[in-house]
Amino acid sequence: MVPADPRAQCESPEFGGVFITTSAAQDPVIHSVCQYIVEGYFYYDNYDNGAYTGTLVYRDGAKVPTERPVMPEVLNSPGALPLIPFPGQF
């Protein structure tokens, strides 16, 4: 079984995130963050050398630890264009 690629998963059209990698010359650990939005909140999945280390959410002016959010399902039409649910009647 091939481990999931956090960059590919983060930047997939279904997820819509931005993957950022940083490292310092003296630090042997490669730090990465997947930034994405769910239900109006900014989430940050953190990785060290590609291994998931935790999730933060930005609330009330600070990043605080949290569980990973459940991603809303994307409805797909036969033409592969996402359908946007309409909350009211036509």
PDB file of N, CA and C in Angstrom:
ATOM      1  N   MET A   1       0.834  -1.182   0.000  1.00  0.00           N
ATOM      2  CA  MET A   1       0.000   0.000   0.000  1.00  0.00           C
ATOM      3  C   MET A   1       0.881   1.249   0.000  1.00  0.00           C
ATOM      4  N   VAL A   2       0.597   2.172  -0.899  1.00  0.00           N
ATOM      5  CA  VAL A   2       1.374   3.397  -1.034  1.00  0.00           C
ATOM      6  C   VAL A   2       0.802   4.449  -0.084  1.00  0.00           C
ATOM      7  N   PRO A   3       1.647   5.093   0.741  1.00  0.00           N
ATOM      8  CA  PRO A   3       1.134   6.130   1.636  1.00  0.00           C
ATOM      9  C   PRO A   3       0.583   7.310   0.843  1.00  0.00           C
ATOM     10  N   ALA A   4      -0.414   7.972   1.400  1.00  0.00           N
ATOM     11  CA  ALA A   4      -1.032   9.124   0.740  1.00  0.00           C
ATOM     12  C   ALA A   4      -0.036  10.270   0.652  1.00  0.00           C
ATOM     13  N   ASP A   5      -0.075  10.977  -0.450  1.00  0.00           N
ATOM     14  CA  ASP A   5       0.767  12.152  -0.652  1.00  0.00           C
ATOM     15  C   ASP A   5       0.021  13.360  -0.097  1.00  0.00           C
ATOM     16  N   PRO A   6       0.483  13.954   1.024  1.00  0.00           N
ATOM     17  CA  PRO A   6      -0.259  15.066   1.618  1.00  0.00           C
ATOM     18  C   PRO A   6      -0.404  16.258   0.683  1.00  0.00           C
ATOM     19  N   ARG A   7       0.604  16.536  -0.155  1.00  0.00           N
ATOM     20  CA  ARG A   7       0.513  17.658  -1.090  1.00  0.00           C
ATOM     21  C   ARG A   7      -0.587  17.399  -2.121  1.00  0.00           C
ATOM     22  N   ALA A   8      -0.597  16.224  -2.713  1.00  0.00           N
ATOM     23  CA  ALA A   8      -1.609  15.900  -3.729  1.00  0.00           C
ATOM     24  C   ALA A   8      -3.012  15.929  -3.125  1.00  0.00           C
ATOM     25  N   GLN A   9      -3.159  15.383  -1.933  1.00  0.00           N
ATOM     26  CA  GLN A   9      -4.465  15.379  -1.271  1.00  0.00           C
ATOM     27  C   GLN A   9      -4.903  16.810  -0.962  1.00  0.00           C
ATOM     28  N   CYS A  10      -4.016  17.623  -0.454  1.00  0.00           N
ATOM     29  CA  CYS A  10      -4.328  19.002  -0.082  1.00  0.00           C
ATOM     30  C   CYS A  10      -4.724  19.837  -1.295  1.00  0.00           C
ATOM     31  N   GLU A  11      -3.992  19.696  -2.389  1.00  0.00           N
ATOM     32  CA  GLU A  11      -4.208  20.527  -3.562  1.00  0.00           C
ATOM     33  C   GLU A  11      -5.213  19.940  -4.548  1.00  0.00           C
ATOM     34  N   SER A  12      -5.834  18.816  -4.198  1.00  0.00           N
ATOM     35  CA  SER A  12      -6.829  18.220  -5.093  1.00  0.00           C
ATOM     36  C   SER A  12      -8.027  19.163  -5.233  1.00  0.00           C
ATOM     37  N   PRO A  13      -8.729  19.100  -6.375  1.00  0.00           N
ATOM     38  CA  PRO A  13      -9.897  19.976  -6.566  1.00  0.00           C
ATOM     39  C   PRO A  13     -10.977  19.770  -5.497  1.00  0.00           C
ATOM     40  N   GLU A  14     -11.114  18.554  -4.988  1.00  0.00           N
ATOM     41  CA  GLU A  14     -12.115  18.274  -3.963  1.00  0.00           C
ATOM     42  C   GLU A  14     -11.780  18.962  -2.644  1.00  0.00           C
ATOM     43  N   PHE A  15     -10.483  19.072  -2.337  1.00  0.00           N
ATOM     44  CA  PHE A  15     -10.038  19.641  -1.065  1.00  0.00           C
ATOM     45  C   PHE A  15      -9.842  21.146  -1.172  1.00  0.00           C
ATOM     46  N   GLY A  16      -9.197  21.586  -2.262  1.00  0.00           N
ATOM     47  CA  GLY A  16      -9.018  23.009  -2.519  1.00  0.00           C
ATOM     48  C   GLY A  16      -8.060  23.730  -1.600  1.00  0.00           C
ATOM     49  N   GLY A  17      -7.069  23.020  -1.071  1.00  0.00           N
ATOM     50  CA  GLY A  17      -6.129  23.630  -0.144  1.00  0.00           C
ATOM     51  C   GLY A  17      -4.872  24.146  -0.820  1.00  0.00           C
ATOM     52  N   VAL A  18      -4.021  24.786  -0.013  1.00  0.00           N
ATOM     53  CA  VAL A  18      -2.717  25.281  -0.445  1.00  0.00           C
ATOM     54  C   VAL A  18      -1.680  24.600   0.439  1.00  0.00           C
ATOM     55  N   PHE A  19      -0.683  23.978  -0.174  1.00  0.00           N
ATOM     56  CA  PHE A  19       0.348  23.241   0.558  1.00  0.00           C
ATOM     57  C   PHE A  19       1.625  24.049   0.561  1.00  0.00           C
ATOM     58  N   ILE A  20       2.169  24.330   1.754  1.00  0.00           N
ATOM     59  CA  ILE A  20       3.379  25.142   1.913  1.00  0.00           C
ATOM     60  C   ILE A  20       4.416  24.332   2.678  1.00  0.00           C
ATOM     61  N   THR A  21       5.643  24.310   2.156  1.00  0.00           N
ATOM     62  CA  THR A  21       6.736  23.586   2.808  1.00  0.00           C
ATOM     63  C   THR A  21       7.837  24.572   3.175  1.00  0.00           C
ATOM     64  N   THR A  22       8.357  24.440   4.414  1.00  0.00           N
ATOM     65  CA  THR A  22       9.458  25.287   4.871  1.00  0.00           C
ATOM     66  C   THR A  22      10.505  24.427   5.565  1.00  0.00           C
ATOM     67  N   SER A  23      11.726  24.867   5.528  1.00  0.00           N
ATOM     68  CA  SER A  23      12.793  24.209   6.277  1.00  0.00           C
ATOM     69  C   SER A  23      13.907  25.215   6.525  1.00  0.00           C
ATOM     70  N   ALA A  24      14.603  25.037   7.620  1.00  0.00           N
ATOM     71  CA  ALA A  24      15.734  25.906   7.965  1.00  0.00           C
ATOM     72  C   ALA A  24      17.029  25.110   7.746  1.00  0.00           C
ATOM     73  N   ALA A  25      18.114  25.815   7.520  1.00  0.00           N
ATOM     74  CA  ALA A  25      19.392  25.161   7.243  1.00  0.00           C
ATOM     75  C   ALA A  25      19.834  24.254   8.392  1.00  0.00           C
ATOM     76  N   GLN A  26      19.614  24.674   9.645  1.00  0.00           N
ATOM     77  CA  GLN A  26      20.055  23.885  10.791  1.00  0.00           C
ATOM     78  C   GLN A  26      19.013  22.854  11.233  1.00  0.00           C
ATOM     79  N   ASP A  27      17.808  22.917  10.690  1.00  0.00           N
ATOM     80  CA  ASP A  27      16.722  22.022  11.106  1.00  0.00           C
ATOM     81  C   ASP A  27      16.588  20.882  10.098  1.00  0.00           C
ATOM     82  N   PRO A  28      16.837  19.634  10.513  1.00  0.00           N
ATOM     83  CA  PRO A  28      16.735  18.515   9.577  1.00  0.00           C
ATOM     84  C   PRO A  28      15.279  18.139   9.248  1.00  0.00           C
ATOM     85  N   VAL A  29      14.326  18.713   9.959  1.00  0.00           N
ATOM     86  CA  VAL A  29      12.918  18.387   9.754  1.00  0.00           C
ATOM     87  C   VAL A  29      12.324  19.328   8.705  1.00  0.00           C
ATOM     88  N   ILE A  30      11.596  18.755   7.753  1.00  0.00           N
ATOM     89  CA  ILE A  30      10.890  19.551   6.751  1.00  0.00           C
ATOM     90  C   ILE A  30       9.469  19.756   7.260  1.00  0.00           C
ATOM     91  N   HIS A  31       9.106  21.002   7.512  1.00  0.00           N
ATOM     92  CA  HIS A  31       7.781  21.350   8.028  1.00  0.00           C
ATOM     93  C   HIS A  31       6.879  21.754   6.864  1.00  0.00           C
ATOM     94  N   SER A  32       5.665  21.212   6.866  1.00  0.00           N
ATOM     95  CA  SER A  32       4.697  21.541   5.820  1.00  0.00           C
ATOM     96  C   SER A  32       3.349  21.813   6.460  1.00  0.00           C
ATOM     97  N   VAL A  33       2.543  22.610   5.755  1.00  0.00           N
ATOM     98  CA  VAL A  33       1.206  22.955   6.228  1.00  0.00           C
ATOM     99  C   VAL A  33       0.251  22.925   5.042  1.00  0.00           C
ATOM    100  N   CYS A  34      -0.901  22.294   5.240  1.00  0.00           N
ATOM    101  CA  CYS A  34      -1.985  22.355   4.269  1.00  0.00           C
ATOM    102  C   CYS A  34      -3.012  23.329   4.829  1.00  0.00           C
ATOM    103  N   GLN A  35      -3.233  24.445   4.115  1.00  0.00           N
ATOM    104  CA  GLN A  35      -4.187  25.462   4.558  1.00  0.00           C
ATOM    105  C   GLN A  35      -5.449  25.339   3.711  1.00  0.00           C
ATOM    106  N   TYR A  36      -6.622  25.305   4.375  1.00  0.00           N
ATOM    107  CA  TYR A  36      -7.883  25.182   3.659  1.00  0.00           C
ATOM    108  C   TYR A  36      -9.006  25.785   4.486  1.00  0.00           C
ATOM    109  N   ILE A  37     -10.164  25.967   3.857  1.00  0.00           N
ATOM    110  CA  ILE A  37     -11.323  26.578   4.513  1.00  0.00           C
ATOM    111  C   ILE A  37     -12.471  25.583   4.513  1.00  0.00           C
ATOM    112  N   VAL A  38     -13.107  25.420   5.675  1.00  0.00           N
ATOM    113  CA  VAL A  38     -14.308  24.598   5.805  1.00  0.00           C
ATOM    114  C   VAL A  38     -15.317  25.401   6.608  1.00  0.00           C
ATOM    115  N   GLU A  39     -16.488  25.589   6.029  1.00  0.00           N
ATOM    116  CA  GLU A  39     -17.588  26.304   6.681  1.00  0.00           C
ATOM    117  C   GLU A  39     -17.150  27.651   7.270  1.00  0.00           C
ATOM    118  N   GLY A  40     -16.318  28.380   6.515  1.00  0.00           N
ATOM    119  CA  GLY A  40     -15.906  29.720   6.912  1.00  0.00           C
ATOM    120  C   GLY A  40     -14.739  29.796   7.876  1.00  0.00           C
ATOM    121  N   TYR A  41     -14.168  28.667   8.284  1.00  0.00           N
ATOM    122  CA  TYR A  41     -13.016  28.672   9.191  1.00  0.00           C
ATOM    123  C   TYR A  41     -11.762  28.227   8.458  1.00  0.00           C
ATOM    124  N   PHE A  42     -10.627  28.864   8.790  1.00  0.00           N
ATOM    125  CA  PHE A  42      -9.337  28.495   8.221  1.00  0.00           C
ATOM    126  C   PHE A  42      -8.739  27.362   9.056  1.00  0.00           C
ATOM    127  N   TYR A  43      -8.350  26.276   8.376  1.00  0.00           N
ATOM    128  CA  TYR A  43      -7.733  25.123   9.038  1.00  0.00           C
ATOM    129  C   TYR A  43      -6.311  24.948   8.523  1.00  0.00           C
ATOM    130  N   TYR A  44      -5.451  24.414   9.388  1.00  0.00           N
ATOM    131  CA  TYR A  44      -4.046  24.197   9.085  1.00  0.00           C
ATOM    132  C   TYR A  44      -3.664  22.790   9.532  1.00  0.00           C
ATOM    133  N   ASP A  45      -3.465  21.859   8.567  1.00  0.00           N
ATOM    134  CA  ASP A  45      -2.960  20.523   8.885  1.00  0.00           C
ATOM    135  C   ASP A  45      -1.444  20.596   8.827  1.00  0.00           C
ATOM    136  N   ASN A  46      -0.775  20.215   9.906  1.00  0.00           N
ATOM    137  CA  ASN A  46       0.681  20.308  10.006  1.00  0.00           C
ATOM    138  C   ASN A  46       1.333  18.952   9.777  1.00  0.00           C
ATOM    139  N   TYR A  47       2.486  18.979   9.078  1.00  0.00           N
ATOM    140  CA  TYR A  47       3.245  17.764   8.777  1.00  0.00           C
ATOM    141  C   TYR A  47       4.720  18.009   9.074  1.00  0.00           C
ATOM    142  N   ASP A  48       5.400  17.005   9.622  1.00  0.00           N
ATOM    143  CA  ASP A  48       6.853  17.013   9.787  1.00  0.00           C
ATOM    144  C   ASP A  48       7.397  15.841   8.996  1.00  0.00           C
ATOM    145  N   ASN A  49       8.245  16.126   8.015  1.00  0.00           N
ATOM    146  CA  ASN A  49       8.792  15.105   7.111  1.00  0.00           C
ATOM    147  C   ASN A  49       7.684  14.260   6.484  1.00  0.00           C
ATOM    148  N   GLY A  50       6.570  14.876   6.158  1.00  0.00           N
ATOM    149  CA  GLY A  50       5.461  14.193   5.498  1.00  0.00           C
ATOM    150  C   GLY A  50       4.503  13.463   6.418  1.00  0.00           C
ATOM    151  N   ALA A  51       4.795  13.421   7.730  1.00  0.00           N
ATOM    152  CA  ALA A  51       3.924  12.742   8.690  1.00  0.00           C
ATOM    153  C   ALA A  51       3.000  13.761   9.368  1.00  0.00           C
ATOM    154  N   TYR A  52       1.721  13.481   9.393  1.00  0.00           N
ATOM    155  CA  TYR A  52       0.727  14.365  10.003  1.00  0.00           C
ATOM    156  C   TYR A  52       1.013  14.531  11.492  1.00  0.00           C
ATOM    157  N   THR A  53       1.015  15.796  11.980  1.00  0.00           N
ATOM    158  CA  THR A  53       1.286  16.060  13.396  1.00  0.00           C
ATOM    159  C   THR A  53       0.146  16.752  14.128  1.00  0.00           C
ATOM    160  N   GLY A  54      -0.870  17.236  13.401  1.00  0.00           N
ATOM    161  CA  GLY A  54      -1.998  17.869  14.082  1.00  0.00           C
ATOM    162  C   GLY A  54      -2.651  18.939  13.233  1.00  0.00           C
ATOM    163  N   THR A  55      -3.819  19.386  13.689  1.00  0.00           N
ATOM    164  CA  THR A  55      -4.582  20.404  12.978  1.00  0.00           C
ATOM    165  C   THR A  55      -4.852  21.588  13.887  1.00  0.00           C
ATOM    166  N   LEU A  56      -4.751  22.796  13.317  1.00  0.00           N
ATOM    167  CA  LEU A  56      -5.102  24.026  14.022  1.00  0.00           C
ATOM    168  C   LEU A  56      -6.249  24.684  13.270  1.00  0.00           C
ATOM    169  N   VAL A  57      -7.067  25.451  13.993  1.00  0.00           N
ATOM    170  CA  VAL A  57      -8.125  26.241  13.376  1.00  0.00           C
ATOM    171  C   VAL A  57      -7.969  27.674  13.858  1.00  0.00           C
ATOM    172  N   TYR A  58      -8.240  28.629  12.970  1.00  0.00           N
ATOM    173  CA  TYR A  58      -8.135  30.037  13.333  1.00  0.00           C
ATOM    174  C   TYR A  58      -9.487  30.510  13.832  1.00  0.00           C
ATOM    175  N   ARG A  59      -9.567  30.810  15.140  1.00  0.00           N
ATOM    176  CA  ARG A  59     -10.798  31.303  15.763  1.00  0.00           C
ATOM    177  C   ARG A  59     -10.451  32.378  16.763  1.00  0.00           C
ATOM    178  N   ASP A  60     -11.271  33.397  16.816  1.00  0.00           N
ATOM    179  CA  ASP A  60     -11.120  34.471  17.800  1.00  0.00           C
ATOM    180  C   ASP A  60      -9.713  35.055  17.827  1.00  0.00           C
ATOM    181  N   GLY A  61      -9.101  35.209  16.648  1.00  0.00           N
ATOM    182  CA  GLY A  61      -7.807  35.868  16.551  1.00  0.00           C
ATOM    183  C   GLY A  61      -6.605  35.009  16.880  1.00  0.00           C
ATOM    184  N   ALA A  62      -6.778  33.684  17.004  1.00  0.00           N
ATOM    185  CA  ALA A  62      -5.643  32.817  17.323  1.00  0.00           C
ATOM    186  C   ALA A  62      -5.828  31.449  16.673  1.00  0.00           C
ATOM    187  N   LYS A  63      -4.702  30.780  16.429  1.00  0.00           N
ATOM    188  CA  LYS A  63      -4.741  29.404  15.943  1.00  0.00           C
ATOM    189  C   LYS A  63      -4.779  28.490  17.166  1.00  0.00           C
ATOM    190  N   VAL A  64      -5.791  27.620  17.219  1.00  0.00           N
ATOM    191  CA  VAL A  64      -5.938  26.706  18.356  1.00  0.00           C
ATOM    192  C   VAL A  64      -6.040  25.267  17.850  1.00  0.00           C
ATOM    193  N   PRO A  65      -5.533  24.299  18.634  1.00  0.00           N
ATOM    194  CA  PRO A  65      -5.619  22.894  18.229  1.00  0.00           C
ATOM    195  C   PRO A  65      -7.067  22.435  18.108  1.00  0.00           C
ATOM    196  N   THR A  66      -7.312  21.546  17.153  1.00  0.00           N
ATOM    197  CA  THR A  66      -8.645  21.004  16.927  1.00  0.00           C
ATOM    198  C   THR A  66      -8.532  19.673  16.206  1.00  0.00           C
ATOM    199  N   GLU A  67      -9.640  19.000  16.040  1.00  0.00           N
ATOM    200  CA  GLU A  67      -9.698  17.786  15.234  1.00  0.00           C
ATOM    201  C   GLU A  67      -9.831  18.198  13.770  1.00  0.00           C
ATOM    202  N   ARG A  68      -9.435  17.320  12.861  1.00  0.00           N
ATOM    203  CA  ARG A  68      -9.650  17.595  11.441  1.00  0.00           C
ATOM    204  C   ARG A  68     -11.144  17.678  11.183  1.00  0.00           C
ATOM    205  N   PRO A  69     -11.577  18.669  10.395  1.00  0.00           N
ATOM    206  CA  PRO A  69     -13.012  18.784  10.109  1.00  0.00           C
ATOM    207  C   PRO A  69     -13.454  17.732   9.098  1.00  0.00           C
ATOM    208  N   VAL A  70     -14.740  17.440   9.114  1.00  0.00           N
ATOM    209  CA  VAL A  70     -15.311  16.568   8.097  1.00  0.00           C
ATOM    210  C   VAL A  70     -15.519  17.433   6.864  1.00  0.00           C
ATOM    211  N   MET A  71     -14.969  17.005   5.747  1.00  0.00           N
ATOM    212  CA  MET A  71     -15.086  17.775   4.516  1.00  0.00           C
ATOM    213  C   MET A  71     -16.474  17.579   3.926  1.00  0.00           C
ATOM    214  N   PRO A  72     -17.149  18.674   3.551  1.00  0.00           N
ATOM    215  CA  PRO A  72     -18.455  18.526   2.910  1.00  0.00           C
ATOM    216  C   PRO A  72     -18.302  17.773   1.600  1.00  0.00           C
ATOM    217  N   GLU A  73     -19.262  16.915   1.301  1.00  0.00           N
ATOM    218  CA  GLU A  73     -19.192  16.145   0.067  1.00  0.00           C
ATOM    219  C   GLU A  73     -19.473  17.054  -1.116  1.00  0.00           C
ATOM    220  N   VAL A  74     -18.773  16.777  -2.195  1.00  0.00           N
ATOM    221  CA  VAL A  74     -18.976  17.525  -3.420  1.00  0.00           C
ATOM    222  C   VAL A  74     -19.825  16.657  -4.341  1.00  0.00           C
ATOM    223  N   LEU A  75     -20.967  17.189  -4.775  1.00  0.00           N
ATOM    224  CA  LEU A  75     -21.818  16.463  -5.697  1.00  0.00           C
ATOM    225  C   LEU A  75     -21.289  16.663  -7.103  1.00  0.00           C
ATOM    226  N   ASN A  76     -21.173  15.586  -7.855  1.00  0.00           N
ATOM    227  CA  ASN A  76     -20.645  15.688  -9.207  1.00  0.00           C
ATOM    228  C   ASN A  76     -21.728  15.389 -10.228  1.00  0.00           C
ATOM    229  N   SER A  77     -21.751  16.165 -11.284  1.00  0.00           N
ATOM    230  CA  SER A  77     -22.667  15.939 -12.392  1.00  0.00           C
ATOM    231  C   SER A  77     -21.987  15.021 -13.393  1.00  0.00           C
ATOM    232  N   PRO A  78     -22.738  14.453 -14.344  1.00  0.00           N
ATOM    233  CA  PRO A  78     -22.115  13.576 -15.343  1.00  0.00           C
ATOM    234  C   PRO A  78     -21.007  14.255 -16.142  1.00  0.00           C
ATOM    235  N   GLY A  79     -21.043  15.561 -16.311  1.00  0.00           N
ATOM    236  CA  GLY A  79     -20.006  16.285 -17.047  1.00  0.00           C
ATOM    237  C   GLY A  79     -18.796  16.615 -16.200  1.00  0.00           C
ATOM    238  N   ALA A  80     -18.712  16.101 -14.979  1.00  0.00           N
ATOM    239  CA  ALA A  80     -17.604  16.293 -14.047  1.00  0.00           C
ATOM    240  C   ALA A  80     -17.544  17.710 -13.485  1.00  0.00           C
ATOM    241  N   LEU A  81     -18.615  18.491 -13.654  1.00  0.00           N
ATOM    242  CA  LEU A  81     -18.664  19.810 -13.039  1.00  0.00           C
ATOM    243  C   LEU A  81     -19.374  19.676 -11.703  1.00  0.00           C
ATOM    244  N   PRO A  82     -18.855  20.276 -10.639  1.00  0.00           N
ATOM    245  CA  PRO A  82     -19.511  20.139  -9.338  1.00  0.00           C
ATOM    246  C   PRO A  82     -20.870  20.851  -9.325  1.00  0.00           C
ATOM    247  N   LEU A  83     -21.828  20.243  -8.661  1.00  0.00           N
ATOM    248  CA  LEU A  83     -23.135  20.855  -8.472  1.00  0.00           C
ATOM    249  C   LEU A  83     -23.146  21.552  -7.129  1.00  0.00           C
ATOM    250  N   ILE A  84     -23.710  22.731  -7.087  1.00  0.00           N
ATOM    251  CA  ILE A  84     -23.791  23.480  -5.841  1.00  0.00           C
ATOM    252  C   ILE A  84     -25.205  23.323  -5.295  1.00  0.00           C
ATOM    253  N   PRO A  85     -25.347  22.750  -4.104  1.00  0.00           N
ATOM    254  CA  PRO A  85     -26.694  22.582  -3.540  1.00  0.00           C
ATOM    255  C   PRO A  85     -27.352  23.933  -3.304  1.00  0.00           C
ATOM    256  N   PHE A  86     -28.618  24.057  -3.666  1.00  0.00           N
ATOM    257  CA  PHE A  86     -29.367  25.284  -3.469  1.00  0.00           C
ATOM    258  C   PHE A  86     -30.281  25.077  -2.273  1.00  0.00           C
ATOM    259  N   PRO A  87     -30.174  25.910  -1.206  1.00  0.00           N
ATOM    260  CA  PRO A  87     -30.913  25.657   0.013  1.00  0.00           C
ATOM    261  C   PRO A  87     -32.416  25.947  -0.071  1.00  0.00           C
ATOM    262  N   GLY A  88     -32.898  26.581  -1.114  1.00  0.00           N
ATOM    263  CA  GLY A  88     -34.325  26.924  -1.196  1.00  0.00           C
ATOM    264  C   GLY A  88     -35.011  26.212  -2.331  1.00  0.00           C
ATOM    265  N   GLN A  89     -36.268  26.506  -2.507  1.00  0.00           N
ATOM    266  CA  GLN A  89     -37.034  25.944  -3.600  1.00  0.00           C
ATOM    267  C   GLN A  89     -36.932  26.856  -4.812  1.00  0.00           C
ATOM    268  N   PHE A  90     -37.153  26.282  -5.975  1.00  0.00           N
ATOM    269  CA  PHE A  90     -37.132  27.067  -7.225  1.00  0.00           C
ATOM    270  C   PHE A  90     -38.479  27.687  -7.460  1.00  0.00           C
TER     271      PHE A  90
END
